[in-house]
Amino acid sequence: MMMKQWRTRSAGRPTSSPSRSVTSHDADSSKSRKVPMQGRGSNDFKVAATNDSEQAMDCSLEQDDDQTEIVRGSRIKYNDPAALPLRRRALWQPSEAGIATVLIIKKVRSPHATDKAREIGMWLKSQGIRVVVESKVHKENLPRFNALKQKPTMACVDFCILVHTILLSLNVLLQPSRFQVQKEELPMFDPLKEKPTMGCVDFCITLGGDGTVLHLASLFEKDEPMPPVLSFAMGTLGFLTPFDVNSFEHVLQEVLSAQERPLNCTLRTRKLCAVIKDGIPLAVRTVLNEVVIDRGAFPGAVILEVFVDGTYVTTVEADGLIIATPSGSTAYSMSAGGSLIAPSVPCTIITPIAPLSLSSRPIVIPESSSIVVHLPEYARSDARANFDGKMSLRMRRGTCIDIHTARYPLPVISQGMLDSDWYEGIVAKLHWNQVIKERPQMPQLKSFKEIPDWKSTMNGSMDSGSDADV
């Protein structure tokens, strides 16, 4: 639902532009603090004023056409970007054109995942679907048929396909002097020569754990509509991989029949992270789990200034800081004491890592809020930033990371309705809220014969009319 935007008259607060800063006052200090203001797009909102002197608005509020009355006798216009949908649980149905190209991402250095990728790819090609894999996987892991000089008969082609399908680890060799294998006749996977873009891939399949899903999400660098992802569990924990790879034919049949029977889908939030130094963007990364700013090789604590929606929030002195999505709440953030957040909740978790202050606790903020983490010039050393556990880079003093929620989430096919996959994951894999009790031990007892004068002891306690000491 698209909504109109308006500007507010803010005394002493300039509009956002690269390498500009405004002055913000800490509630606990009289010193002014420079808030790094990063460049925004033309569709972004200007922060609404909160002071009494900044409440005058340039225009009157107009009710949206499709918005019913929420506040009695009042008009409402939202400050949050209308492009970010709050709903995350949905039903997925492919377009009328169907699925033409499938990208398969497998776990690295896993022969079992390689065999399954070949088996699933052969099955998809038998359904008339083009299969794409990464160039490195295409070159190293998936064996090709050797080239032949003469065109084989169709019976020979069918025999080669049958043998290669049944015996996945067996390479089929034909005499070069007699046969010429054509690519369109014998199944081969196409290499993914460059980063996938919108329209080149219709569907994605991952074979591995959560790290494989994170790697897939990192391949899509632009903030544009992403293809749905089906994840088969071939890793360790796997909160993002609910499907069993041994029943892939049944699952893929349901995917191909999703035109008649839509499948459950969870839209998982992604974050756009821009690393900026002196107003110049140095790098832009997308994350599905979290961005972590830590002390790196420096033995002391790192000092980080945190701003939310242009407002100074706190200065963190700790081993590091985690900015996590709901999907990342069960990863590094949870290990650092962050709360578990269901993937359908539109929020962002800010979790300090081993802070020096005992009152420093994780907080949860709206996902529409922009976050700026600034490494001040007075910091003791440089810092290190990593995105989804990889792609590390060095943060020099004066560098900041501008974090926004991506407009387009990652659609992940779910096995159950709503958040049932997530609840099953934290209970079955994390043993959430399950009390581990020791098995009761049999108390040591003595027989009456081993107790001296037990009769006189019992008679004496009964005569006294008081309870006997035990």
Foldseek 3Di string as FASTA:
>chain_A
DADDAFAFDDPQDDFADFLDWGWAADPVDRDIDTFHGADDDPQAHQDQDDDPVGNDGPDDDDADPPDDDDDPPDHDDDNFGPLADLFFKDWDFADPVAFAEEEEFEDPPDLVRLLLVVLVQLVVVVVNHAYEYAPVCQPPRQDDADFAQAADDLVVLVVLSVVCNVVVVDHDYDDNDYHGDDPVRHDGHHHDPAQDDPPPGAEYEYHEAVVRVFVNVQSYFDLDADHEYAYDYPYAQHLQHDHHSVPVVVVVVCVRVCNVPTFIKGFFWKKWKFKDFSSRTDDIGIARFKKKKFAPPDPAWAWKWKDKQSHTDDIFTARIKIKTGLVNCPPPQVVQPGDRDQRSGQWIKIQGHGTPDPPDGIDIGGQSIKMKIARAPPIPFWIWMDGHPDPIDIGGHRMMMIMHIRSHGHMYGDPDGDRPSNVCSCCVRVVPPPDDDDDDDDDDDDDPVPDPPPVVLVVVCVVVVDDDDD
